[in-house]
Amino acid sequence: MFDEEAHLSKVFLVFHEMRAQGLEPDRAAYNALMSACARVGAVERCFDVLRQMVNGGRAHDDEDDASEVAAAV
């Protein structure tokens, strides 16, 4: 589990570096991040990413988002 969590930390690091460079993640990037969270069982982090996606205006509607989280988890 440690290796998976370390890998997830690297994924988040790249995601944050991307944003620091001024690149805004699209819906696919957020979905990939949620999927990575789900693979290691980081359900709460998955929901945190969903909140970021919604707050960043990348979500289309609540029903789609709920389906994406359910599929990821």
PDB file of N, CA and C in Angstrom:
ATOM      1  N   MET A   1       0.831  -1.196   0.000  1.00  0.00           N
ATOM      2  CA  MET A   1       0.000   0.000   0.000  1.00  0.00           C
ATOM      3  C   MET A   1       0.870   1.252   0.000  1.00  0.00           C
ATOM      4  N   PHE A   2       2.053   1.197   0.662  1.00  0.00           N
ATOM      5  CA  PHE A   2       2.914   2.374   0.708  1.00  0.00           C
ATOM      6  C   PHE A   2       3.321   2.811  -0.682  1.00  0.00           C
ATOM      7  N   ASP A   3       3.700   1.862  -1.544  1.00  0.00           N
ATOM      8  CA  ASP A   3       4.098   2.210  -2.907  1.00  0.00           C
ATOM      9  C   ASP A   3       2.961   2.886  -3.660  1.00  0.00           C
ATOM     10  N   GLU A   4       1.747   2.389  -3.475  1.00  0.00           N
ATOM     11  CA  GLU A   4       0.599   2.982  -4.157  1.00  0.00           C
ATOM     12  C   GLU A   4       0.350   4.403  -3.666  1.00  0.00           C
ATOM     13  N   GLU A   5       0.443   4.610  -2.367  1.00  0.00           N
ATOM     14  CA  GLU A   5       0.236   5.947  -1.814  1.00  0.00           C
ATOM     15  C   GLU A   5       1.355   6.890  -2.230  1.00  0.00           C
ATOM     16  N   ALA A   6       2.581   6.389  -2.314  1.00  0.00           N
ATOM     17  CA  ALA A   6       3.703   7.210  -2.775  1.00  0.00           C
ATOM     18  C   ALA A   6       3.486   7.597  -4.237  1.00  0.00           C
ATOM     19  N   HIS A   7       3.001   6.651  -5.013  1.00  0.00           N
ATOM     20  CA  HIS A   7       2.707   6.936  -6.423  1.00  0.00           C
ATOM     21  C   HIS A   7       1.596   7.976  -6.532  1.00  0.00           C
ATOM     22  N   LEU A   8       0.573   7.855  -5.704  1.00  0.00           N
ATOM     23  CA  LEU A   8      -0.523   8.820  -5.722  1.00  0.00           C
ATOM     24  C   LEU A   8      -0.003  10.210  -5.340  1.00  0.00           C
ATOM     25  N   SER A   9       0.898  10.274  -4.396  1.00  0.00           N
ATOM     26  CA  SER A   9       1.487  11.565  -4.018  1.00  0.00           C
ATOM     27  C   SER A   9       2.219  12.189  -5.196  1.00  0.00           C
ATOM     28  N   LYS A  10       2.894  11.374  -5.982  1.00  0.00           N
ATOM     29  CA  LYS A  10       3.589  11.882  -7.171  1.00  0.00           C
ATOM     30  C   LYS A  10       2.590  12.390  -8.203  1.00  0.00           C
ATOM     31  N   VAL A  11       1.480  11.687  -8.341  1.00  0.00           N
ATOM     32  CA  VAL A  11       0.441  12.111  -9.277  1.00  0.00           C
ATOM     33  C   VAL A  11      -0.088  13.484  -8.876  1.00  0.00           C
ATOM     34  N   PHE A  12      -0.351  13.670  -7.591  1.00  0.00           N
ATOM     35  CA  PHE A  12      -0.828  14.971  -7.102  1.00  0.00           C
ATOM     36  C   PHE A  12       0.237  16.049  -7.281  1.00  0.00           C
ATOM     37  N   LEU A  13       1.504  15.691  -7.079  1.00  0.00           N
ATOM     38  CA  LEU A  13       2.589  16.647  -7.258  1.00  0.00           C
ATOM     39  C   LEU A  13       2.620  17.149  -8.704  1.00  0.00           C
ATOM     40  N   VAL A  14       2.534  16.248  -9.650  1.00  0.00           N
ATOM     41  CA  VAL A  14       2.523  16.638 -11.064  1.00  0.00           C
ATOM     42  C   VAL A  14       1.300  17.507 -11.365  1.00  0.00           C
ATOM     43  N   PHE A  15       0.168  17.139 -10.826  1.00  0.00           N
ATOM     44  CA  PHE A  15      -1.067  17.900 -11.031  1.00  0.00           C
ATOM     45  C   PHE A  15      -0.886  19.332 -10.515  1.00  0.00           C
ATOM     46  N   HIS A  16      -0.328  19.472  -9.317  1.00  0.00           N
ATOM     47  CA  HIS A  16      -0.128  20.809  -8.735  1.00  0.00           C
ATOM     48  C   HIS A  16       0.947  21.594  -9.478  1.00  0.00           C
ATOM     49  N   GLU A  17       1.993  20.907  -9.944  1.00  0.00           N
ATOM     50  CA  GLU A  17       3.026  21.585 -10.739  1.00  0.00           C
ATOM     51  C   GLU A  17       2.434  22.107 -12.042  1.00  0.00           C
ATOM     52  N   MET A  18       1.581  21.322 -12.639  1.00  0.00           N
ATOM     53  CA  MET A  18       0.914  21.732 -13.879  1.00  0.00           C
ATOM     54  C   MET A  18       0.144  23.033 -13.639  1.00  0.00           C
ATOM     55  N   ARG A  19      -0.607  23.063 -12.559  1.00  0.00           N
ATOM     56  CA  ARG A  19      -1.397  24.259 -12.234  1.00  0.00           C
ATOM     57  C   ARG A  19      -0.487  25.442 -11.907  1.00  0.00           C
ATOM     58  N   ALA A  20       0.629  25.179 -11.241  1.00  0.00           N
ATOM     59  CA  ALA A  20       1.568  26.248 -10.894  1.00  0.00           C
ATOM     60  C   ALA A  20       2.181  26.876 -12.148  1.00  0.00           C
ATOM     61  N   GLN A  21       2.257  26.101 -13.215  1.00  0.00           N
ATOM     62  CA  GLN A  21       2.787  26.602 -14.479  1.00  0.00           C
ATOM     63  C   GLN A  21       1.736  27.349 -15.287  1.00  0.00           C
ATOM     64  N   GLY A  22       0.529  27.455 -14.727  1.00  0.00           N
ATOM     65  CA  GLY A  22      -0.531  28.193 -15.397  1.00  0.00           C
ATOM     66  C   GLY A  22      -1.416  27.354 -16.301  1.00  0.00           C
ATOM     67  N   LEU A  23      -1.228  26.048 -16.272  1.00  0.00           N
ATOM     68  CA  LEU A  23      -2.058  25.159 -17.080  1.00  0.00           C
ATOM     69  C   LEU A  23      -3.271  24.749 -16.260  1.00  0.00           C
ATOM     70  N   GLU A  24      -4.437  24.988 -16.794  1.00  0.00           N
ATOM     71  CA  GLU A  24      -5.670  24.611 -16.097  1.00  0.00           C
ATOM     72  C   GLU A  24      -6.087  23.204 -16.515  1.00  0.00           C
ATOM     73  N   PRO A  25      -6.281  22.327 -15.556  1.00  0.00           N
ATOM     74  CA  PRO A  25      -6.696  20.964 -15.888  1.00  0.00           C
ATOM     75  C   PRO A  25      -8.101  20.946 -16.490  1.00  0.00           C
ATOM     76  N   ASP A  26      -8.278  20.069 -17.460  1.00  0.00           N
ATOM     77  CA  ASP A  26      -9.607  19.899 -18.034  1.00  0.00           C
ATOM     78  C   ASP A  26     -10.312  18.754 -17.321  1.00  0.00           C
ATOM     79  N   ARG A  27     -11.507  18.471 -17.761  1.00  0.00           N
ATOM     80  CA  ARG A  27     -12.321  17.424 -17.134  1.00  0.00           C
ATOM     81  C   ARG A  27     -11.611  16.069 -17.164  1.00  0.00           C
ATOM     82  N   ALA A  28     -10.921  15.780 -18.267  1.00  0.00           N
ATOM     83  CA  ALA A  28     -10.210  14.505 -18.379  1.00  0.00           C
ATOM     84  C   ALA A  28      -9.094  14.396 -17.345  1.00  0.00           C
ATOM     85  N   ALA A  29      -8.395  15.496 -17.075  1.00  0.00           N
ATOM     86  CA  ALA A  29      -7.321  15.477 -16.075  1.00  0.00           C
ATOM     87  C   ALA A  29      -7.896  15.212 -14.682  1.00  0.00           C
ATOM     88  N   TYR A  30      -9.008  15.875 -14.378  1.00  0.00           N
ATOM     89  CA  TYR A  30      -9.644  15.635 -13.085  1.00  0.00           C
ATOM     90  C   TYR A  30     -10.128  14.185 -12.984  1.00  0.00           C
ATOM     91  N   ASN A  31     -10.696  13.666 -14.054  1.00  0.00           N
ATOM     92  CA  ASN A  31     -11.176  12.280 -14.029  1.00  0.00           C
ATOM     93  C   ASN A  31     -10.025  11.300 -13.835  1.00  0.00           C
ATOM     94  N   ALA A  32      -8.882  11.575 -14.463  1.00  0.00           N
ATOM     95  CA  ALA A  32      -7.706  10.715 -14.298  1.00  0.00           C
ATOM     96  C   ALA A  32      -7.217  10.764 -12.852  1.00  0.00           C
ATOM     97  N   LEU A  33      -7.257  11.940 -12.252  1.00  0.00           N
ATOM     98  CA  LEU A  33      -6.839  12.081 -10.859  1.00  0.00           C
ATOM     99  C   LEU A  33      -7.788  11.331  -9.927  1.00  0.00           C
ATOM    100  N   MET A  34      -9.087  11.430 -10.180  1.00  0.00           N
ATOM    101  CA  MET A  34     -10.057  10.682  -9.363  1.00  0.00           C
ATOM    102  C   MET A  34      -9.865   9.182  -9.532  1.00  0.00           C
ATOM    103  N   SER A  35      -9.571   8.760 -10.731  1.00  0.00           N
ATOM    104  CA  SER A  35      -9.345   7.340 -10.982  1.00  0.00           C
ATOM    105  C   SER A  35      -8.113   6.844 -10.227  1.00  0.00           C
ATOM    106  N   ALA A  36      -7.052   7.645 -10.210  1.00  0.00           N
ATOM    107  CA  ALA A  36      -5.846   7.276  -9.464  1.00  0.00           C
ATOM    108  C   ALA A  36      -6.146   7.157  -7.973  1.00  0.00           C
ATOM    109  N   CYS A  37      -6.960   8.074  -7.462  1.00  0.00           N
ATOM    110  CA  CYS A  37      -7.358   8.007  -6.050  1.00  0.00           C
ATOM    111  C   CYS A  37      -8.130   6.723  -5.772  1.00  0.00           C
ATOM    112  N   ALA A  38      -9.044   6.406  -6.652  1.00  0.00           N
ATOM    113  CA  ALA A  38      -9.884   5.224  -6.455  1.00  0.00           C
ATOM    114  C   ALA A  38      -9.057   3.947  -6.489  1.00  0.00           C
ATOM    115  N   ARG A  39      -8.046   3.893  -7.335  1.00  0.00           N
ATOM    116  CA  ARG A  39      -7.215   2.696  -7.444  1.00  0.00           C
ATOM    117  C   ARG A  39      -6.527   2.335  -6.138  1.00  0.00           C
ATOM    118  N   VAL A  40      -6.226   3.357  -5.332  1.00  0.00           N
ATOM    119  CA  VAL A  40      -5.538   3.075  -4.061  1.00  0.00           C
ATOM    120  C   VAL A  40      -6.486   3.180  -2.870  1.00  0.00           C
ATOM    121  N   GLY A  41      -7.765   3.355  -3.150  1.00  0.00           N
ATOM    122  CA  GLY A  41      -8.761   3.394  -2.081  1.00  0.00           C
ATOM    123  C   GLY A  41      -8.830   4.722  -1.344  1.00  0.00           C
ATOM    124  N   ALA A  42      -8.339   5.784  -1.969  1.00  0.00           N
ATOM    125  CA  ALA A  42      -8.354   7.114  -1.349  1.00  0.00           C
ATOM    126  C   ALA A  42      -9.658   7.824  -1.702  1.00  0.00           C
ATOM    127  N   VAL A  43     -10.746   7.316  -1.136  1.00  0.00           N
ATOM    128  CA  VAL A  43     -12.081   7.794  -1.486  1.00  0.00           C
ATOM    129  C   VAL A  43     -12.269   9.266  -1.121  1.00  0.00           C
ATOM    130  N   GLU A  44     -11.820   9.663   0.064  1.00  0.00           N
ATOM    131  CA  GLU A  44     -11.992  11.056   0.479  1.00  0.00           C
ATOM    132  C   GLU A  44     -11.214  12.001  -0.435  1.00  0.00           C
ATOM    133  N   ARG A  45     -10.030  11.583  -0.839  1.00  0.00           N
ATOM    134  CA  ARG A  45      -9.257  12.424  -1.775  1.00  0.00           C
ATOM    135  C   ARG A  45      -9.974  12.507  -3.115  1.00  0.00           C
ATOM    136  N   CYS A  46     -10.631  11.430  -3.501  1.00  0.00           N
ATOM    137  CA  CYS A  46     -11.406  11.431  -4.739  1.00  0.00           C
ATOM    138  C   CYS A  46     -12.504  12.495  -4.672  1.00  0.00           C
ATOM    139  N   PHE A  47     -13.194  12.543  -3.551  1.00  0.00           N
ATOM    140  CA  PHE A  47     -14.244  13.554  -3.390  1.00  0.00           C
ATOM    141  C   PHE A  47     -13.654  14.966  -3.301  1.00  0.00           C
ATOM    142  N   ASP A  48     -12.456  15.101  -2.741  1.00  0.00           N
ATOM    143  CA  ASP A  48     -11.790  16.409  -2.720  1.00  0.00           C
ATOM    144  C   ASP A  48     -11.505  16.890  -4.142  1.00  0.00           C
ATOM    145  N   VAL A  49     -11.058  15.973  -4.985  1.00  0.00           N
ATOM    146  CA  VAL A  49     -10.792  16.321  -6.389  1.00  0.00           C
ATOM    147  C   VAL A  49     -12.095  16.724  -7.077  1.00  0.00           C
ATOM    148  N   LEU A  50     -13.158  15.995  -6.790  1.00  0.00           N
ATOM    149  CA  LEU A  50     -14.456  16.345  -7.370  1.00  0.00           C
ATOM    150  C   LEU A  50     -14.861  17.764  -6.961  1.00  0.00           C
ATOM    151  N   ARG A  51     -14.662  18.083  -5.692  1.00  0.00           N
ATOM    152  CA  ARG A  51     -14.996  19.445  -5.238  1.00  0.00           C
ATOM    153  C   ARG A  51     -14.158  20.491  -5.971  1.00  0.00           C
ATOM    154  N   GLN A  52     -12.879  20.201  -6.167  1.00  0.00           N
ATOM    155  CA  GLN A  52     -12.018  21.123  -6.913  1.00  0.00           C
ATOM    156  C   GLN A  52     -12.523  21.290  -8.337  1.00  0.00           C
ATOM    157  N   MET A  53     -12.935  20.179  -8.937  1.00  0.00           N
ATOM    158  CA  MET A  53     -13.427  20.209 -10.306  1.00  0.00           C
ATOM    159  C   MET A  53     -14.686  21.071 -10.397  1.00  0.00           C
ATOM    160  N   VAL A  54     -15.590  20.890  -9.461  1.00  0.00           N
ATOM    161  CA  VAL A  54     -16.834  21.658  -9.453  1.00  0.00           C
ATOM    162  C   VAL A  54     -16.535  23.137  -9.204  1.00  0.00           C
ATOM    163  N   ASN A  55     -15.690  23.418  -8.218  1.00  0.00           N
ATOM    164  CA  ASN A  55     -15.347  24.801  -7.898  1.00  0.00           C
ATOM    165  C   ASN A  55     -14.578  25.478  -9.021  1.00  0.00           C
ATOM    166  N   GLY A  56     -13.862  24.695  -9.817  1.00  0.00           N
ATOM    167  CA  GLY A  56     -13.105  25.241 -10.939  1.00  0.00           C
ATOM    168  C   GLY A  56     -13.925  25.387 -12.205  1.00  0.00           C
ATOM    169  N   GLY A  57     -15.210  25.035 -12.120  1.00  0.00           N
ATOM    170  CA  GLY A  57     -16.081  25.180 -13.280  1.00  0.00           C
ATOM    171  C   GLY A  57     -15.903  24.114 -14.340  1.00  0.00           C
ATOM    172  N   ARG A  58     -15.302  22.991 -13.970  1.00  0.00           N
ATOM    173  CA  ARG A  58     -15.066  21.923 -14.949  1.00  0.00           C
ATOM    174  C   ARG A  58     -16.149  20.853 -14.952  1.00  0.00           C
ATOM    175  N   ALA A  59     -17.112  20.989 -14.068  1.00  0.00           N
ATOM    176  CA  ALA A  59     -18.190  20.002 -13.994  1.00  0.00           C
ATOM    177  C   ALA A  59     -19.353  20.445 -14.856  1.00  0.00           C
ATOM    178  N   HIS A  60     -19.985  19.504 -15.525  1.00  0.00           N
ATOM    179  CA  HIS A  60     -21.136  19.822 -16.369  1.00  0.00           C
ATOM    180  C   HIS A  60     -22.420  19.864 -15.573  1.00  0.00           C
ATOM    181  N   ASP A  61     -22.691  18.817 -14.831  1.00  0.00           N
ATOM    182  CA  ASP A  61     -23.855  18.810 -13.948  1.00  0.00           C
ATOM    183  C   ASP A  61     -23.643  17.779 -12.856  1.00  0.00           C
ATOM    184  N   ASP A  62     -24.402  17.911 -11.800  1.00  0.00           N
ATOM    185  CA  ASP A  62     -24.209  17.061 -10.627  1.00  0.00           C
ATOM    186  C   ASP A  62     -24.397  15.585 -10.920  1.00  0.00           C
ATOM    187  N   GLU A  63     -25.343  15.254 -11.792  1.00  0.00           N
ATOM    188  CA  GLU A  63     -25.595  13.846 -12.082  1.00  0.00           C
ATOM    189  C   GLU A  63     -24.389  13.216 -12.763  1.00  0.00           C
ATOM    190  N   ASP A  64     -23.786  13.924 -13.741  1.00  0.00           N
ATOM    191  CA  ASP A  64     -22.590  13.406 -14.399  1.00  0.00           C
ATOM    192  C   ASP A  64     -21.463  13.217 -13.407  1.00  0.00           C
ATOM    193  N   ASP A  65     -21.267  14.196 -12.527  1.00  0.00           N
ATOM    194  CA  ASP A  65     -20.181  14.135 -11.562  1.00  0.00           C
ATOM    195  C   ASP A  65     -20.366  12.987 -10.595  1.00  0.00           C
ATOM    196  N   ALA A  66     -21.564  12.800 -10.117  1.00  0.00           N
ATOM    197  CA  ALA A  66     -21.832  11.688  -9.206  1.00  0.00           C
ATOM    198  C   ALA A  66     -21.542  10.354  -9.898  1.00  0.00           C
ATOM    199  N   SER A  67     -21.881  10.257 -11.152  1.00  0.00           N
ATOM    200  CA  SER A  67     -21.609   9.033 -11.897  1.00  0.00           C
ATOM    201  C   SER A  67     -20.123   8.796 -12.049  1.00  0.00           C
ATOM    202  N   GLU A  68     -19.354   9.869 -12.280  1.00  0.00           N
ATOM    203  CA  GLU A  68     -17.914   9.727 -12.431  1.00  0.00           C
ATOM    204  C   GLU A  68     -17.274   9.278 -11.131  1.00  0.00           C
ATOM    205  N   VAL A  69     -17.696   9.836 -10.017  1.00  0.00           N
ATOM    206  CA  VAL A  69     -17.132   9.427  -8.728  1.00  0.00           C
ATOM    207  C   VAL A  69     -17.517   7.994  -8.437  1.00  0.00           C
ATOM    208  N   ALA A  70     -18.756   7.631  -8.674  1.00  0.00           N
ATOM    209  CA  ALA A  70     -19.205   6.259  -8.430  1.00  0.00           C
ATOM    210  C   ALA A  70     -18.411   5.279  -9.296  1.00  0.00           C
ATOM    211  N   ALA A  71     -18.143   5.641 -10.524  1.00  0.00           N
ATOM    212  CA  ALA A  71     -17.374   4.766 -11.406  1.00  0.00           C
ATOM    213  C   ALA A  71     -15.927   4.658 -10.942  1.00  0.00           C
ATOM    214  N   ALA A  72     -15.375   5.768 -10.430  1.00  0.00           N
ATOM    215  CA  ALA A  72     -13.992   5.768  -9.973  1.00  0.00           C
ATOM    216  C   ALA A  72     -13.837   4.948  -8.712  1.00  0.00           C
ATOM    217  N   VAL A  73     -14.817   5.059  -7.815  1.00  0.00           N
ATOM    218  CA  VAL A  73     -14.733   4.361  -6.529  1.00  0.00           C
ATOM    219  C   VAL A  73     -15.231   2.952  -6.712  1.00  0.00           C
TER     220      VAL A  73
END
